[in-house]
Amino acid sequence: MSTPRQPTAIIVADSHFHLEPDPAEQERLDRFLRLLACARGADHLVLLGDIFDFWFDYPHFRLKGYDPLLEALDLVRDAGCRIHFVGGNHDIWAADYLHRRYGSEPDGLPLTLRLGDLRLRCEHGDGLLSHDWLYDTFRSIVRNRAGIVLAKSLHPEILFALSTWLSGRSRSATRDEAAEIEAKAAVWLAKQRDPDWDVMLIGHVHHRFETETASRKLAALAGWFGRLDYGLVRDGRFEIRDFAEDTLPEF
């Protein structure tokens, strides 16, 4: 008897695409669109937050931009790949729009996917390991109802300027920061008792790492900057791959 085929998934995080990409970002976006074309053959695509550097869903209009990316996601959906969205601190407000357009979860909250033999926990990761008071403050605003009401009272250009300023702080972790992140991750993972997942995957920290115990793993994607990281689940196994160095998977 043949072994049943296990579900496949591609997971991406922290591309921080702007409404109007400059030439350097356009190259990153072109590569991202190539990965999305590959994802049409997968069973699941998980957008793990901060795909969009700024998104706010105003009641009567959407900010101009992101059309090539949204149209590429249309093709992923039309190919039968299930799209999931876990909101980041820059794009949590996209959850309702993406739910209506792609059928992803309506709240953008962390989720656990059962992919054959693997239970994959997907979280953006903000507030989990690193503690930056500016990000923590921004996170507290964007992730509660009062913050949404406050944001809607602001002119779109003001909100956009605030997000752009905060985005300027987004960068890859330094060597010292990376060591601190990995140390915190190991301590955090050791404290987990019988979680309902085998692998937790996060973004946000802009540093690739994997730490594990005898039965659990915590992994982080560096994002879509220098390394062009993405997660791949195939044959019941999870791995982090580099778009520039690894052959794109075939499904």
C-alpha atoms as a PDB file:
ATOM      1  CA  MET A   1       0.000   0.000   0.000  1.00  0.00           C
ATOM      2  CA  SER A   2       1.390   3.392  -0.973  1.00  0.00           C
ATOM      3  CA  THR A   3       1.969   6.087   1.682  1.00  0.00           C
ATOM      4  CA  PRO A   4      -0.692   8.825   1.579  1.00  0.00           C
ATOM      5  CA  ARG A   5       0.577  12.112   0.197  1.00  0.00           C
ATOM      6  CA  GLN A   6       1.209  14.680   2.930  1.00  0.00           C
ATOM      7  CA  PRO A   7       0.110  18.326   2.544  1.00  0.00           C
ATOM      8  CA  THR A   8       2.647  20.871   1.342  1.00  0.00           C
ATOM      9  CA  ALA A   9       3.080  24.494   2.389  1.00  0.00           C
ATOM     10  CA  ILE A  10       5.164  27.569   1.694  1.00  0.00           C
ATOM     11  CA  ILE A  11       5.511  30.196   4.417  1.00  0.00           C
ATOM     12  CA  VAL A  12       6.825  33.737   3.956  1.00  0.00           C
ATOM     13  CA  ALA A  13       7.295  36.664   6.345  1.00  0.00           C
ATOM     14  CA  ASP A  14       8.689  40.165   6.647  1.00  0.00           C
ATOM     15  CA  SER A  15       9.017  41.293   3.070  1.00  0.00           C
ATOM     16  CA  HIS A  16       7.941  44.810   4.135  1.00  0.00           C
ATOM     17  CA  PHE A  17       6.880  45.782   0.625  1.00  0.00           C
ATOM     18  CA  HIS A  18       5.999  49.452   0.189  1.00  0.00           C
ATOM     19  CA  LEU A  19       3.032  50.894  -1.646  1.00  0.00           C
ATOM     20  CA  GLU A  20       5.390  52.242  -4.336  1.00  0.00           C
ATOM     21  CA  PRO A  21       8.577  50.114  -4.552  1.00  0.00           C
ATOM     22  CA  ASP A  22      11.868  51.721  -5.538  1.00  0.00           C
ATOM     23  CA  PRO A  23      14.126  49.907  -8.084  1.00  0.00           C
ATOM     24  CA  ALA A  24      15.936  47.867  -5.405  1.00  0.00           C
ATOM     25  CA  GLU A  25      12.667  46.771  -3.864  1.00  0.00           C
ATOM     26  CA  GLN A  26      11.199  45.986  -7.274  1.00  0.00           C
ATOM     27  CA  GLU A  27      13.891  43.339  -7.708  1.00  0.00           C
ATOM     28  CA  ARG A  28      12.929  41.797  -4.361  1.00  0.00           C
ATOM     29  CA  LEU A  29       9.271  41.958  -5.359  1.00  0.00           C
ATOM     30  CA  ASP A  30       9.969  40.227  -8.695  1.00  0.00           C
ATOM     31  CA  ARG A  31      11.634  37.354  -6.833  1.00  0.00           C
ATOM     32  CA  PHE A  32       8.739  37.202  -4.393  1.00  0.00           C
ATOM     33  CA  LEU A  33       6.287  36.941  -7.282  1.00  0.00           C
ATOM     34  CA  ARG A  34       8.326  34.028  -8.661  1.00  0.00           C
ATOM     35  CA  LEU A  35       7.966  32.272  -5.308  1.00  0.00           C
ATOM     36  CA  LEU A  36       4.225  32.917  -5.351  1.00  0.00           C
ATOM     37  CA  ALA A  37       4.053  31.347  -8.807  1.00  0.00           C
ATOM     38  CA  CYS A  38       5.721  28.282  -7.301  1.00  0.00           C
ATOM     39  CA  ALA A  39       3.213  28.329  -4.421  1.00  0.00           C
ATOM     40  CA  ARG A  40       0.369  27.682  -6.873  1.00  0.00           C
ATOM     41  CA  GLY A  41       1.365  24.033  -6.734  1.00  0.00           C
ATOM     42  CA  ALA A  42       1.364  23.853  -2.929  1.00  0.00           C
ATOM     43  CA  ASP A  43      -1.611  23.034  -0.721  1.00  0.00           C
ATOM     44  CA  HIS A  44      -1.079  25.989   1.631  1.00  0.00           C
ATOM     45  CA  LEU A  45       0.528  29.424   1.503  1.00  0.00           C
ATOM     46  CA  VAL A  46       1.039  31.168   4.842  1.00  0.00           C
ATOM     47  CA  LEU A  47       1.662  34.917   4.916  1.00  0.00           C
ATOM     48  CA  LEU A  48       3.321  35.280   8.303  1.00  0.00           C
ATOM     49  CA  GLY A  49       3.008  39.019   8.785  1.00  0.00           C
ATOM     50  CA  ASP A  50       4.639  42.245   7.632  1.00  0.00           C
ATOM     51  CA  ILE A  51       4.282  41.200   4.015  1.00  0.00           C
ATOM     52  CA  PHE A  52       2.977  44.727   3.518  1.00  0.00           C
ATOM     53  CA  ASP A  53       4.990  47.501   5.125  1.00  0.00           C
ATOM     54  CA  PHE A  54       1.805  49.488   5.656  1.00  0.00           C
ATOM     55  CA  TRP A  55      -1.840  48.547   5.389  1.00  0.00           C
ATOM     56  CA  PHE A  56      -4.920  50.156   6.822  1.00  0.00           C
ATOM     57  CA  ASP A  57      -8.380  49.144   5.677  1.00  0.00           C
ATOM     58  CA  TYR A  58     -10.375  52.355   5.729  1.00  0.00           C
ATOM     59  CA  PRO A  59     -14.168  51.900   5.552  1.00  0.00           C
ATOM     60  CA  HIS A  60     -14.667  53.313   2.056  1.00  0.00           C
ATOM     61  CA  PHE A  61     -11.349  53.001   0.224  1.00  0.00           C
ATOM     62  CA  ARG A  62      -8.074  51.084   0.043  1.00  0.00           C
ATOM     63  CA  LEU A  63      -4.726  52.824  -0.236  1.00  0.00           C
ATOM     64  CA  LYS A  64      -3.327  52.762  -3.755  1.00  0.00           C
ATOM     65  CA  GLY A  65      -0.621  50.184  -4.332  1.00  0.00           C
ATOM     66  CA  TYR A  66       0.311  46.498  -4.005  1.00  0.00           C
ATOM     67  CA  ASP A  67      -1.617  45.553  -7.155  1.00  0.00           C
ATOM     68  CA  PRO A  68       1.045  43.200  -8.662  1.00  0.00           C
ATOM     69  CA  LEU A  69       1.326  41.374  -5.327  1.00  0.00           C
ATOM     70  CA  LEU A  70      -2.445  41.102  -4.839  1.00  0.00           C
ATOM     71  CA  GLU A  71      -2.941  39.901  -8.410  1.00  0.00           C
ATOM     72  CA  ALA A  72      -0.257  37.228  -7.904  1.00  0.00           C
ATOM     73  CA  LEU A  73      -2.127  36.075  -4.794  1.00  0.00           C
ATOM     74  CA  ASP A  74      -5.290  35.891  -6.915  1.00  0.00           C
ATOM     75  CA  LEU A  75      -3.525  33.310  -9.087  1.00  0.00           C
ATOM     76  CA  VAL A  76      -2.408  31.337  -6.025  1.00  0.00           C
ATOM     77  CA  ARG A  77      -6.011  31.229  -4.794  1.00  0.00           C
ATOM     78  CA  ASP A  78      -7.350  30.314  -8.223  1.00  0.00           C
ATOM     79  CA  ALA A  79      -4.892  27.405  -8.442  1.00  0.00           C
ATOM     80  CA  GLY A  80      -6.534  25.859  -5.372  1.00  0.00           C
ATOM     81  CA  CYS A  81      -3.853  26.719  -2.824  1.00  0.00           C
ATOM     82  CA  ARG A  82      -5.316  27.683   0.568  1.00  0.00           C
ATOM     83  CA  ILE A  83      -4.034  31.103   1.671  1.00  0.00           C
ATOM     84  CA  HIS A  84      -3.589  31.870   5.375  1.00  0.00           C
ATOM     85  CA  PHE A  85      -2.736  35.265   6.849  1.00  0.00           C
ATOM     86  CA  VAL A  86      -1.164  35.911  10.259  1.00  0.00           C
ATOM     87  CA  GLY A  87      -0.975  39.649  10.738  1.00  0.00           C
ATOM     88  CA  GLY A  88       2.236  41.423  11.647  1.00  0.00           C
ATOM     89  CA  ASN A  89       2.549  44.701  13.480  1.00  0.00           C
ATOM     90  CA  HIS A  90       2.656  46.521  10.114  1.00  0.00           C
ATOM     91  CA  ASP A  91      -0.236  44.786   8.356  1.00  0.00           C
ATOM     92  CA  ILE A  92      -2.610  43.234  10.908  1.00  0.00           C
ATOM     93  CA  TRP A  93      -5.351  45.509   9.561  1.00  0.00           C
ATOM     94  CA  ALA A  94      -5.208  43.703   6.215  1.00  0.00           C
ATOM     95  CA  ALA A  95      -6.848  40.627   7.764  1.00  0.00           C
ATOM     96  CA  ASP A  96     -10.448  41.443   6.881  1.00  0.00           C
ATOM     97  CA  TYR A  97      -9.631  42.477   3.307  1.00  0.00           C
ATOM     98  CA  LEU A  98      -7.552  39.355   2.685  1.00  0.00           C
ATOM     99  CA  HIS A  99     -10.308  37.230   4.211  1.00  0.00           C
ATOM    100  CA  ARG A 100     -12.849  38.686   1.802  1.00  0.00           C
ATOM    101  CA  ARG A 101     -10.558  38.415  -1.230  1.00  0.00           C
ATOM    102  CA  TYR A 102      -8.726  35.147  -0.537  1.00  0.00           C
ATOM    103  CA  GLY A 103     -10.731  33.313   2.108  1.00  0.00           C
ATOM    104  CA  SER A 104      -8.002  33.485   4.740  1.00  0.00           C
ATOM    105  CA  GLU A 105      -8.846  33.595   8.442  1.00  0.00           C
ATOM    106  CA  PRO A 106     -10.778  36.805   9.252  1.00  0.00           C
ATOM    107  CA  ASP A 107      -8.854  37.875  12.351  1.00  0.00           C
ATOM    108  CA  GLY A 108      -5.195  37.494  11.325  1.00  0.00           C
ATOM    109  CA  LEU A 109      -4.408  35.773  14.630  1.00  0.00           C
ATOM    110  CA  PRO A 110      -1.777  33.033  15.126  1.00  0.00           C
ATOM    111  CA  LEU A 111      -2.881  29.629  13.944  1.00  0.00           C
ATOM    112  CA  THR A 112      -1.873  25.969  14.026  1.00  0.00           C
ATOM    113  CA  LEU A 113      -1.932  23.953  10.791  1.00  0.00           C
ATOM    114  CA  ARG A 114      -2.083  20.178  10.791  1.00  0.00           C
ATOM    115  CA  LEU A 115      -0.021  19.202   7.758  1.00  0.00           C
ATOM    116  CA  GLY A 116      -0.091  15.438   7.735  1.00  0.00           C
ATOM    117  CA  ASP A 117       2.214  14.237  10.515  1.00  0.00           C
ATOM    118  CA  LEU A 118       3.362  17.787  11.339  1.00  0.00           C
ATOM    119  CA  ARG A 119       1.629  20.342  13.531  1.00  0.00           C
ATOM    120  CA  LEU A 120       2.942  23.767  12.509  1.00  0.00           C
ATOM    121  CA  ARG A 121       2.261  26.758  14.749  1.00  0.00           C
ATOM    122  CA  CYS A 122       2.406  30.047  12.841  1.00  0.00           C
ATOM    123  CA  GLU A 123       2.932  33.326  14.721  1.00  0.00           C
ATOM    124  CA  HIS A 124       4.371  36.609  13.555  1.00  0.00           C
ATOM    125  CA  GLY A 125       6.514  36.733  16.678  1.00  0.00           C
ATOM    126  CA  ASP A 126       6.172  40.342  17.814  1.00  0.00           C
ATOM    127  CA  GLY A 127       6.230  40.463  21.598  1.00  0.00           C
ATOM    128  CA  LEU A 128       7.498  36.878  21.886  1.00  0.00           C
ATOM    129  CA  LEU A 129      11.289  37.239  22.159  1.00  0.00           C
ATOM    130  CA  SER A 130      12.383  40.831  21.611  1.00  0.00           C
ATOM    131  CA  HIS A 131      11.276  43.831  23.642  1.00  0.00           C
ATOM    132  CA  ASP A 132      11.664  47.153  21.837  1.00  0.00           C
ATOM    133  CA  TRP A 133       9.524  49.792  23.539  1.00  0.00           C
ATOM    134  CA  LEU A 134       8.676  51.519  20.251  1.00  0.00           C
ATOM    135  CA  TYR A 135       7.530  48.289  18.637  1.00  0.00           C
ATOM    136  CA  ASP A 136       5.751  47.202  21.807  1.00  0.00           C
ATOM    137  CA  THR A 137       3.869  50.505  21.887  1.00  0.00           C
ATOM    138  CA  PHE A 138       3.002  50.285  18.200  1.00  0.00           C
ATOM    139  CA  ARG A 139       1.908  46.668  18.668  1.00  0.00           C
ATOM    140  CA  SER A 140      -0.408  47.609  21.531  1.00  0.00           C
ATOM    141  CA  ILE A 141      -2.052  50.192  19.289  1.00  0.00           C
ATOM    142  CA  VAL A 142      -2.501  48.118  16.140  1.00  0.00           C
ATOM    143  CA  ARG A 143      -3.758  44.992  17.892  1.00  0.00           C
ATOM    144  CA  ASN A 144      -6.700  46.361  19.888  1.00  0.00           C
ATOM    145  CA  ARG A 145     -10.035  47.919  19.032  1.00  0.00           C
ATOM    146  CA  ALA A 146      -9.229  51.257  20.662  1.00  0.00           C
ATOM    147  CA  GLY A 147      -6.163  51.541  18.448  1.00  0.00           C
ATOM    148  CA  ILE A 148      -8.280  50.969  15.337  1.00  0.00           C
ATOM    149  CA  VAL A 149     -10.711  53.699  16.393  1.00  0.00           C
ATOM    150  CA  LEU A 150      -7.783  56.047  17.030  1.00  0.00           C
ATOM    151  CA  ALA A 151      -6.214  55.231  13.663  1.00  0.00           C
ATOM    152  CA  LYS A 152      -9.463  55.893  11.801  1.00  0.00           C
ATOM    153  CA  SER A 153      -9.561  59.350  13.366  1.00  0.00           C
ATOM    154  CA  LEU A 154      -6.205  60.216  11.805  1.00  0.00           C
ATOM    155  CA  HIS A 155      -5.668  61.478   8.283  1.00  0.00           C
ATOM    156  CA  PRO A 156      -4.292  58.605   6.144  1.00  0.00           C
ATOM    157  CA  GLU A 157      -1.107  60.543   5.395  1.00  0.00           C
ATOM    158  CA  ILE A 158      -0.380  60.924   9.123  1.00  0.00           C
ATOM    159  CA  LEU A 159      -0.855  57.219   9.782  1.00  0.00           C
ATOM    160  CA  PHE A 160       1.236  56.371   6.726  1.00  0.00           C
ATOM    161  CA  ALA A 161       4.033  58.692   7.885  1.00  0.00           C
ATOM    162  CA  LEU A 162       4.052  57.090  11.349  1.00  0.00           C
ATOM    163  CA  SER A 163       4.268  53.604   9.899  1.00  0.00           C
ATOM    164  CA  THR A 164       7.014  54.644   7.462  1.00  0.00           C
ATOM    165  CA  TRP A 165       9.064  56.142  10.290  1.00  0.00           C
ATOM    166  CA  LEU A 166       8.748  52.980  12.363  1.00  0.00           C
ATOM    167  CA  SER A 167       9.567  50.874   9.319  1.00  0.00           C
ATOM    168  CA  GLY A 168      12.882  52.688   9.041  1.00  0.00           C
ATOM    169  CA  ARG A 169      13.878  50.865  12.210  1.00  0.00           C
ATOM    170  CA  SER A 170      13.342  47.472  10.559  1.00  0.00           C
ATOM    171  CA  ARG A 171      16.667  45.847   9.741  1.00  0.00           C
ATOM    172  CA  SER A 172      18.550  42.611  10.118  1.00  0.00           C
ATOM    173  CA  ALA A 173      19.696  41.764  13.625  1.00  0.00           C
ATOM    174  CA  THR A 174      23.298  42.556  14.535  1.00  0.00           C
ATOM    175  CA  ARG A 175      25.566  39.750  15.729  1.00  0.00           C
ATOM    176  CA  ASP A 176      24.986  40.674  19.397  1.00  0.00           C
ATOM    177  CA  GLU A 177      21.229  40.989  18.890  1.00  0.00           C
ATOM    178  CA  ALA A 178      21.129  37.653  17.078  1.00  0.00           C
ATOM    179  CA  ALA A 179      22.901  35.915  19.956  1.00  0.00           C
ATOM    180  CA  GLU A 180      20.471  37.455  22.445  1.00  0.00           C
ATOM    181  CA  ILE A 181      17.468  36.432  20.337  1.00  0.00           C
ATOM    182  CA  GLU A 182      18.679  32.840  20.081  1.00  0.00           C
ATOM    183  CA  ALA A 183      19.366  32.673  23.822  1.00  0.00           C
ATOM    184  CA  LYS A 184      15.869  33.946  24.615  1.00  0.00           C
ATOM    185  CA  ALA A 185      14.383  31.507  22.132  1.00  0.00           C
ATOM    186  CA  ALA A 186      16.115  28.536  23.756  1.00  0.00           C
ATOM    187  CA  VAL A 187      14.891  29.589  27.202  1.00  0.00           C
ATOM    188  CA  TRP A 188      11.357  30.168  25.926  1.00  0.00           C
ATOM    189  CA  LEU A 189      11.199  26.806  24.170  1.00  0.00           C
ATOM    190  CA  ALA A 190      12.485  24.946  27.221  1.00  0.00           C
ATOM    191  CA  LYS A 191       9.579  26.345  29.250  1.00  0.00           C
ATOM    192  CA  GLN A 192       6.875  24.992  26.917  1.00  0.00           C
ATOM    193  CA  ARG A 193       5.014  22.049  28.398  1.00  0.00           C
ATOM    194  CA  ASP A 194       3.040  19.779  26.065  1.00  0.00           C
ATOM    195  CA  PRO A 195       2.129  22.403  23.452  1.00  0.00           C
ATOM    196  CA  ASP A 196      -0.243  21.405  20.662  1.00  0.00           C
ATOM    197  CA  TRP A 197       2.421  21.869  17.980  1.00  0.00           C
ATOM    198  CA  ASP A 198       5.650  20.258  16.799  1.00  0.00           C
ATOM    199  CA  VAL A 199       7.233  23.306  15.147  1.00  0.00           C
ATOM    200  CA  MET A 200       6.568  26.959  15.900  1.00  0.00           C
ATOM    201  CA  LEU A 201       7.574  29.297  13.090  1.00  0.00           C
ATOM    202  CA  ILE A 202       7.907  33.047  13.579  1.00  0.00           C
ATOM    203  CA  GLY A 203       9.175  36.095  11.716  1.00  0.00           C
ATOM    204  CA  HIS A 204       9.572  39.641  13.035  1.00  0.00           C
ATOM    205  CA  VAL A 205      13.078  39.311  14.498  1.00  0.00           C
ATOM    206  CA  HIS A 206      14.756  39.520  11.048  1.00  0.00           C
ATOM    207  CA  HIS A 207      17.182  36.758  11.938  1.00  0.00           C
ATOM    208  CA  ARG A 208      17.136  33.140  10.793  1.00  0.00           C
ATOM    209  CA  PHE A 209      17.578  30.551  13.495  1.00  0.00           C
ATOM    210  CA  GLU A 210      16.331  27.164  14.650  1.00  0.00           C
ATOM    211  CA  THR A 211      16.425  25.855  18.208  1.00  0.00           C
ATOM    212  CA  GLU A 212      14.968  22.589  19.395  1.00  0.00           C
ATOM    213  CA  THR A 213      14.396  20.210  22.274  1.00  0.00           C
ATOM    214  CA  ALA A 214      13.933  16.471  21.984  1.00  0.00           C
ATOM    215  CA  SER A 215      10.407  16.907  20.655  1.00  0.00           C
ATOM    216  CA  ARG A 216       9.822  20.544  19.703  1.00  0.00           C
ATOM    217  CA  LYS A 217      11.384  23.154  17.440  1.00  0.00           C
ATOM    218  CA  LEU A 218      11.201  26.937  17.331  1.00  0.00           C
ATOM    219  CA  ALA A 219      12.333  28.465  14.041  1.00  0.00           C
ATOM    220  CA  ALA A 220      12.448  31.988  12.653  1.00  0.00           C
ATOM    221  CA  LEU A 221      12.582  33.336   9.120  1.00  0.00           C
ATOM    222  CA  ALA A 222      15.015  36.188   8.490  1.00  0.00           C
ATOM    223  CA  GLY A 223      12.593  37.791   6.055  1.00  0.00           C
ATOM    224  CA  TRP A 224      12.808  38.875   2.449  1.00  0.00           C
ATOM    225  CA  PHE A 225      15.873  41.092   2.484  1.00  0.00           C
ATOM    226  CA  GLY A 226      19.392  39.708   2.114  1.00  0.00           C
ATOM    227  CA  ARG A 227      18.691  35.980   2.533  1.00  0.00           C
ATOM    228  CA  LEU A 228      15.223  35.824   0.935  1.00  0.00           C
ATOM    229  CA  ASP A 229      14.059  33.161   3.380  1.00  0.00           C
ATOM    230  CA  TYR A 230      10.947  31.054   3.140  1.00  0.00           C
ATOM    231  CA  GLY A 231       9.635  28.028   4.988  1.00  0.00           C
ATOM    232  CA  LEU A 232       8.788  24.782   3.227  1.00  0.00           C
ATOM    233  CA  VAL A 233       6.720  21.860   4.490  1.00  0.00           C
ATOM    234  CA  ARG A 234       6.891  18.717   2.392  1.00  0.00           C
ATOM    235  CA  ASP A 235       6.627  15.003   3.236  1.00  0.00           C
ATOM    236  CA  GLY A 236       5.766  15.869   6.832  1.00  0.00           C
ATOM    237  CA  ARG A 237       9.015  17.806   7.388  1.00  0.00           C
ATOM    238  CA  PHE A 238       9.754  21.505   7.830  1.00  0.00           C
ATOM    239  CA  GLU A 239      12.819  23.359   6.581  1.00  0.00           C
ATOM    240  CA  ILE A 240      13.951  26.913   5.943  1.00  0.00           C
ATOM    241  CA  ARG A 241      15.134  27.568   2.415  1.00  0.00           C
ATOM    242  CA  ASP A 242      16.916  30.428   0.668  1.00  0.00           C
ATOM    243  CA  PHE A 243      15.353  31.632  -2.575  1.00  0.00           C
ATOM    244  CA  ALA A 244      18.709  32.706  -4.010  1.00  0.00           C
ATOM    245  CA  GLU A 245      20.600  29.502  -3.152  1.00  0.00           C
ATOM    246  CA  ASP A 246      18.094  26.622  -3.176  1.00  0.00           C
ATOM    247  CA  THR A 247      16.194  25.218  -6.122  1.00  0.00           C
ATOM    248  CA  LEU A 248      12.526  26.100  -6.010  1.00  0.00           C
ATOM    249  CA  PRO A 249      10.448  23.117  -4.888  1.00  0.00           C
ATOM    250  CA  GLU A 250       8.267  21.163  -7.281  1.00  0.00           C
ATOM    251  CA  PHE A 251       4.896  19.936  -6.060  1.00  0.00           C
END
